[in-house]
N, C-alpha and C. Protein backbone atom coordinates (compact mmCIF):
# COMPACT_ATOMS: atom_id res chain seq x y z
N MET A 1 113.31 100.11 -161.45
CA MET A 1 113.02 98.81 -161.88
C MET A 1 111.56 99.57 -163.53
N ARG A 2 111.29 98.95 -164.26
CA ARG A 2 110.95 99.15 -165.41
C ARG A 2 109.76 98.93 -165.34
N GLY A 3 108.85 99.84 -164.63
CA GLY A 3 107.36 99.78 -164.63
C GLY A 3 106.82 100.03 -163.19
N ASP A 4 107.85 99.37 -162.16
CA ASP A 4 107.51 99.56 -160.78
C ASP A 4 107.74 101.22 -160.14
N LYS A 5 106.73 101.13 -159.34
CA LYS A 5 107.03 102.92 -158.88
C LYS A 5 108.43 103.01 -158.30
N ALA A 6 108.27 104.04 -157.70
CA ALA A 6 109.87 104.25 -156.76
C ALA A 6 109.13 103.60 -155.46
N PRO A 7 110.39 103.20 -154.85
CA PRO A 7 110.55 101.90 -154.23
C PRO A 7 110.05 102.46 -152.70
N LEU A 8 110.36 104.02 -152.25
CA LEU A 8 109.57 104.48 -151.05
C LEU A 8 107.93 104.54 -151.08
N THR A 9 107.70 104.48 -152.35
CA THR A 9 106.07 103.94 -152.43
C THR A 9 105.16 102.57 -152.29
N TYR A 10 105.87 101.83 -152.05
CA TYR A 10 105.84 100.66 -151.72
C TYR A 10 106.32 100.00 -150.26
N THR A 11 106.30 101.09 -149.18
CA THR A 11 106.95 101.21 -147.80
C THR A 11 106.23 101.94 -147.17
N THR A 12 106.27 101.77 -145.54
CA THR A 12 105.50 102.90 -144.57
C THR A 12 107.09 103.06 -143.71
N GLY A 13 107.23 104.19 -143.18
CA GLY A 13 107.83 104.71 -142.41
C GLY A 13 109.11 105.41 -142.77
N GLU A 14 110.21 106.18 -142.24
CA GLU A 14 110.79 106.90 -143.03
C GLU A 14 112.26 106.43 -143.25
N TRP A 15 112.68 106.45 -144.73
CA TRP A 15 113.78 106.23 -145.20
C TRP A 15 114.71 106.41 -144.66
N PRO A 16 116.09 105.54 -144.64
CA PRO A 16 116.23 103.89 -145.02
C PRO A 16 115.47 103.69 -143.59
N GLU A 17 116.14 103.82 -142.75
CA GLU A 17 116.17 103.13 -141.55
C GLU A 17 114.77 102.81 -140.79
N GLU A 18 113.60 103.79 -140.86
CA GLU A 18 112.78 103.02 -140.55
C GLU A 18 111.36 102.40 -141.69
N ALA A 19 112.02 102.57 -142.85
CA ALA A 19 111.11 101.86 -143.58
C ALA A 19 110.51 100.38 -143.43
N THR A 20 109.63 99.67 -143.68
CA THR A 20 109.11 98.39 -143.98
C THR A 20 108.50 98.67 -145.15
N ALA A 21 108.89 97.57 -146.43
CA ALA A 21 108.30 97.04 -147.43
C ALA A 21 106.69 96.48 -147.32
N GLY A 22 105.93 96.62 -148.07
CA GLY A 22 104.74 96.05 -147.43
C GLY A 22 104.68 94.61 -148.35
N ALA A 23 103.80 94.07 -148.02
CA ALA A 23 103.73 92.14 -148.81
C ALA A 23 103.44 92.67 -150.18
N ASP A 24 102.78 93.81 -150.64
CA ASP A 24 102.91 93.54 -152.24
C ASP A 24 104.00 94.51 -152.93
N ALA A 25 105.14 94.65 -152.10
CA ALA A 25 105.87 95.26 -152.85
C ALA A 25 106.87 94.49 -153.55
N PRO A 26 107.37 94.74 -154.90
CA PRO A 26 108.25 93.89 -155.46
C PRO A 26 109.55 93.62 -154.94
N ALA A 27 109.93 92.46 -155.27
CA ALA A 27 111.63 92.34 -155.02
C ALA A 27 112.72 93.25 -154.71
N GLY A 28 112.45 93.93 -155.56
CA GLY A 28 113.55 95.53 -155.96
C GLY A 28 113.45 96.16 -154.89
N VAL A 29 112.06 96.15 -154.41
CA VAL A 29 112.25 97.06 -153.25
C VAL A 29 112.71 96.88 -151.80
N GLN A 30 112.83 95.77 -151.67
CA GLN A 30 114.01 94.80 -150.37
C GLN A 30 115.39 95.48 -151.03
N TYR A 31 115.58 95.08 -152.14
CA TYR A 31 117.34 95.27 -152.56
C TYR A 31 117.36 97.11 -152.14
N ALA A 32 116.55 97.41 -153.20
CA ALA A 32 116.48 99.33 -152.75
C ALA A 32 116.46 99.71 -151.16
N LEU A 33 116.25 98.88 -150.24
CA LEU A 33 115.84 99.01 -149.01
C LEU A 33 117.67 98.83 -148.45
N VAL A 34 117.97 97.86 -148.74
CA VAL A 34 119.19 97.47 -147.96
C VAL A 34 120.15 98.09 -148.53
N LEU A 35 119.95 98.31 -149.87
CA LEU A 35 121.51 99.26 -150.76
C LEU A 35 120.97 100.79 -149.47
N ALA A 36 119.66 100.99 -150.03
CA ALA A 36 119.83 102.67 -149.30
C ALA A 36 120.38 102.34 -147.63
N ARG A 37 120.21 101.42 -146.65
CA ARG A 37 120.57 101.54 -145.48
C ARG A 37 122.48 101.21 -145.24
N ALA A 38 122.53 100.39 -146.54
CA ALA A 38 124.38 100.17 -146.43
C ALA A 38 124.75 101.59 -147.17
N LEU A 39 124.00 102.31 -147.96
CA LEU A 39 124.76 103.11 -148.60
C LEU A 39 125.33 104.58 -147.42
N HIS A 40 123.81 104.91 -146.91
CA HIS A 40 123.67 105.60 -145.49
C HIS A 40 124.95 105.80 -144.49
N GLY A 41 124.57 103.97 -144.01
CA GLY A 41 125.85 103.92 -143.41
C GLY A 41 127.33 104.09 -143.58
N ALA A 42 127.27 103.43 -144.74
CA ALA A 42 128.99 103.82 -145.09
C ALA A 42 129.16 105.21 -145.06
N ALA A 43 128.80 106.11 -145.84
CA ALA A 43 128.59 107.55 -145.65
C ALA A 43 129.04 108.11 -144.42
N GLY A 44 127.79 107.74 -143.67
CA GLY A 44 128.48 108.31 -142.24
C GLY A 44 129.08 108.07 -141.70
N ALA A 45 129.51 106.53 -141.85
CA ALA A 45 130.84 106.11 -141.29
C ALA A 45 132.14 106.94 -141.41
N ARG A 46 131.98 106.91 -142.89
CA ARG A 46 133.26 108.02 -143.27
C ARG A 46 132.78 109.70 -143.06
N GLY A 47 132.02 109.59 -142.39
CA GLY A 47 131.71 111.34 -142.26
C GLY A 47 131.90 112.01 -143.50
N LEU A 48 130.97 111.78 -144.62
CA LEU A 48 130.66 111.87 -145.92
C LEU A 48 129.23 112.19 -146.24
N SER A 49 129.21 113.34 -146.71
CA SER A 49 127.65 113.57 -147.00
C SER A 49 127.21 112.69 -148.19
N HIS A 50 125.90 112.66 -148.74
CA HIS A 50 125.62 112.32 -149.75
C HIS A 50 126.21 112.43 -151.01
N ARG A 51 126.51 113.64 -151.05
CA ARG A 51 126.96 114.67 -152.14
C ARG A 51 128.37 114.12 -152.62
N ALA A 52 129.23 114.05 -151.18
CA ALA A 52 130.56 113.73 -151.64
C ALA A 52 130.57 112.47 -152.03
N VAL A 53 129.94 111.35 -151.38
CA VAL A 53 130.30 110.03 -152.14
C VAL A 53 129.80 110.12 -153.84
N SER A 54 128.51 110.73 -153.90
CA SER A 54 127.89 110.91 -155.15
C SER A 54 129.15 111.41 -156.36
N VAL A 55 129.90 112.16 -155.72
CA VAL A 55 131.16 112.75 -156.70
C VAL A 55 132.08 111.95 -156.47
N GLN A 56 132.62 111.41 -155.11
CA GLN A 56 133.71 110.13 -155.21
C GLN A 56 133.47 109.24 -156.45
N ALA A 57 132.43 108.81 -156.41
CA ALA A 57 131.98 107.64 -157.27
C ALA A 57 131.85 107.93 -158.95
N GLY A 58 131.89 109.60 -159.38
CA GLY A 58 131.44 109.91 -160.84
C GLY A 58 130.28 109.73 -160.97
N LEU A 59 129.31 109.95 -159.98
CA LEU A 59 128.09 110.01 -160.21
C LEU A 59 127.51 111.48 -160.22
N ASN A 60 126.27 111.52 -160.62
CA ASN A 60 125.13 113.01 -160.27
C ASN A 60 125.70 113.16 -159.14
N PRO A 61 125.59 114.42 -158.57
CA PRO A 61 125.86 115.11 -156.74
C PRO A 61 124.46 114.47 -156.63
N THR A 62 123.54 113.92 -156.82
CA THR A 62 122.36 114.23 -155.97
C THR A 62 122.06 112.54 -156.01
N ALA A 63 122.70 111.84 -156.89
CA ALA A 63 122.67 110.22 -157.01
C ALA A 63 122.19 108.98 -155.55
N VAL A 64 123.15 109.68 -154.75
CA VAL A 64 123.10 109.05 -153.53
C VAL A 64 122.17 109.41 -152.57
N GLY A 65 121.75 110.61 -152.53
CA GLY A 65 120.81 110.92 -151.93
C GLY A 65 119.39 110.83 -152.67
N ARG A 66 119.30 110.47 -153.79
CA ARG A 66 117.66 109.88 -154.20
C ARG A 66 117.77 108.31 -153.63
N ILE A 67 118.44 107.58 -154.20
CA ILE A 67 118.93 106.15 -153.49
C ILE A 67 118.67 105.93 -152.14
N VAL A 68 119.28 106.65 -151.39
CA VAL A 68 119.12 106.32 -149.85
C VAL A 68 117.52 107.16 -149.46
N ARG A 69 116.97 107.79 -150.00
CA ARG A 69 115.64 108.58 -150.02
C ARG A 69 114.44 107.21 -150.59
N GLY A 70 115.21 106.38 -151.20
CA GLY A 70 113.83 105.59 -152.01
C GLY A 70 113.33 106.48 -153.37
N GLU A 71 114.09 107.08 -153.94
CA GLU A 71 113.44 107.86 -155.08
C GLU A 71 113.62 106.87 -156.38
N VAL A 72 114.89 106.41 -156.20
CA VAL A 72 114.96 105.44 -157.69
C VAL A 72 115.98 104.22 -157.40
N TYR A 73 115.54 103.24 -158.56
CA TYR A 73 116.36 101.66 -158.15
C TYR A 73 117.63 102.16 -159.23
N PRO A 74 118.64 102.34 -158.37
CA PRO A 74 120.38 102.25 -159.10
C PRO A 74 120.61 101.03 -160.07
N ASP A 75 120.95 101.36 -161.23
CA ASP A 75 121.15 100.38 -162.24
C ASP A 75 122.63 99.62 -161.71
N LEU A 76 123.21 98.48 -162.31
CA LEU A 76 124.56 97.71 -161.86
C LEU A 76 125.70 98.76 -161.81
N ALA A 77 125.68 99.38 -163.00
CA ALA A 77 127.20 100.23 -163.20
C ALA A 77 126.93 101.41 -162.15
N THR A 78 125.95 102.02 -161.17
CA THR A 78 126.13 102.85 -159.80
C THR A 78 126.05 101.97 -159.00
N ILE A 79 125.75 100.57 -158.76
CA ILE A 79 125.96 99.95 -157.30
C ILE A 79 127.61 99.66 -157.51
N ALA A 80 128.04 99.26 -158.60
CA ALA A 80 129.69 99.60 -158.90
C ALA A 80 130.54 100.28 -158.51
N ARG A 81 130.04 101.17 -158.96
CA ARG A 81 130.44 102.96 -159.22
C ARG A 81 130.79 103.13 -157.65
N LEU A 82 129.71 102.95 -156.79
CA LEU A 82 129.53 103.22 -155.33
C LEU A 82 130.48 102.19 -154.51
N GLU A 83 130.55 100.83 -154.50
CA GLU A 83 131.08 99.86 -153.71
C GLU A 83 132.89 100.11 -154.14
N ALA A 84 133.01 100.77 -155.51
CA ALA A 84 134.39 100.82 -155.60
C ALA A 84 135.20 102.14 -155.05
N ALA A 85 134.29 103.10 -154.92
CA ALA A 85 134.45 104.72 -154.36
C ALA A 85 134.68 104.33 -152.83
N LEU A 86 133.81 103.57 -152.38
CA LEU A 86 133.66 103.63 -150.68
C LEU A 86 134.67 102.36 -150.13
N GLN A 87 134.89 101.48 -151.44
CA GLN A 87 135.79 100.11 -151.17
C GLN A 87 134.71 99.34 -150.11
N GLN A 88 133.68 99.15 -150.23
CA GLN A 88 132.91 98.05 -149.68
C GLN A 88 131.76 97.23 -150.33
N ASP A 89 131.45 96.47 -149.93
CA ASP A 89 130.21 95.61 -150.35
C ASP A 89 128.98 96.13 -150.19
N LEU A 90 128.21 96.35 -150.76
CA LEU A 90 126.66 97.16 -150.42
C LEU A 90 125.79 96.39 -150.36
N LEU A 91 125.49 95.52 -151.21
CA LEU A 91 124.64 94.55 -150.91
C LEU A 91 125.14 93.09 -150.75
N PRO A 92 124.71 92.39 -149.48
CA PRO A 92 125.25 91.44 -149.06
C PRO A 92 125.12 90.14 -150.07
N PRO A 93 125.92 89.21 -150.39
CA PRO A 93 125.97 88.27 -150.93
C PRO A 93 124.54 87.11 -150.69
N HIS A 94 123.62 86.41 -151.46
CA HIS A 94 123.08 85.70 -150.90
C HIS A 94 122.02 85.91 -150.44
N ARG A 95 121.51 87.06 -150.47
CA ARG A 95 120.31 88.04 -149.35
C ARG A 95 119.05 87.48 -149.69
N PHE A 96 118.94 87.62 -150.53
CA PHE A 96 117.39 86.72 -151.02
C PHE A 96 117.62 85.88 -152.25
N ARG A 97 118.36 84.84 -152.49
CA ARG A 97 118.36 83.64 -153.13
C ARG A 97 117.78 82.84 -152.26
N THR A 98 116.59 81.95 -153.03
CA THR A 98 116.27 80.77 -152.45
C THR A 98 116.08 79.76 -153.82
N LEU A 99 116.54 78.50 -153.41
CA LEU A 99 116.52 77.47 -154.90
C LEU A 99 115.36 76.84 -154.36
N PRO A 100 114.37 76.16 -155.60
CA PRO A 100 113.32 75.58 -155.19
C PRO A 100 113.58 74.12 -155.28
N ALA A 101 112.90 73.33 -154.38
CA ALA A 101 113.22 72.19 -154.30
C ALA A 101 112.92 71.34 -155.45
N ALA A 102 114.00 70.15 -155.53
CA ALA A 102 113.32 69.76 -157.01
C ALA A 102 112.41 68.73 -156.95
N THR A 103 111.49 68.33 -157.96
CA THR A 103 110.47 67.40 -157.67
C THR A 103 111.04 66.34 -158.48
N THR A 104 110.39 65.39 -158.51
CA THR A 104 110.38 63.93 -159.31
C THR A 104 109.57 64.67 -160.90
N ASP A 105 109.17 65.41 -160.82
CA ASP A 105 108.48 66.25 -162.14
C ASP A 105 109.44 66.39 -163.25
N ASP A 106 110.50 67.33 -162.30
CA ASP A 106 111.52 67.98 -162.64
C ASP A 106 112.66 67.75 -163.15
N SER A 107 112.92 66.22 -162.40
CA SER A 107 114.06 65.69 -162.98
C SER A 107 113.88 64.55 -163.89
N ALA A 108 112.44 64.09 -164.10
CA ALA A 108 112.17 63.38 -165.12
C ALA A 108 111.89 64.37 -166.21
N ALA A 109 111.84 65.45 -166.16
CA ALA A 109 111.85 66.65 -167.71
C ALA A 109 113.45 66.57 -168.09
N ASP A 110 114.39 66.48 -167.03
CA ASP A 110 116.04 67.00 -167.41
C ASP A 110 116.12 65.21 -168.34
N GLY A 111 115.66 64.44 -167.88
CA GLY A 111 116.77 63.07 -168.61
C GLY A 111 116.02 62.45 -169.46
């Protein structure tokens, strides 16, 4: 993410399984952590190395390792390639979405 440091710099514990994000961590860190865990688990379940998954997805051979270690924020095209290569969703739907409650002032502004 533009301007943010690498995800691992906002966490404590070993990435990805033991890492926890600090209270000051940007929202992208939580996404990066969820993705890293899912990606690491999917590779392991298939008996594939991080390098093998990267190559299968048409990425730089070190891409998956860097994501799993929390060194980078992957872009949407990278996530799409990984999900297609693994035939698995890596980010669960609705993971962090919250909808603010409408207030009287909000509804008046709409009308």
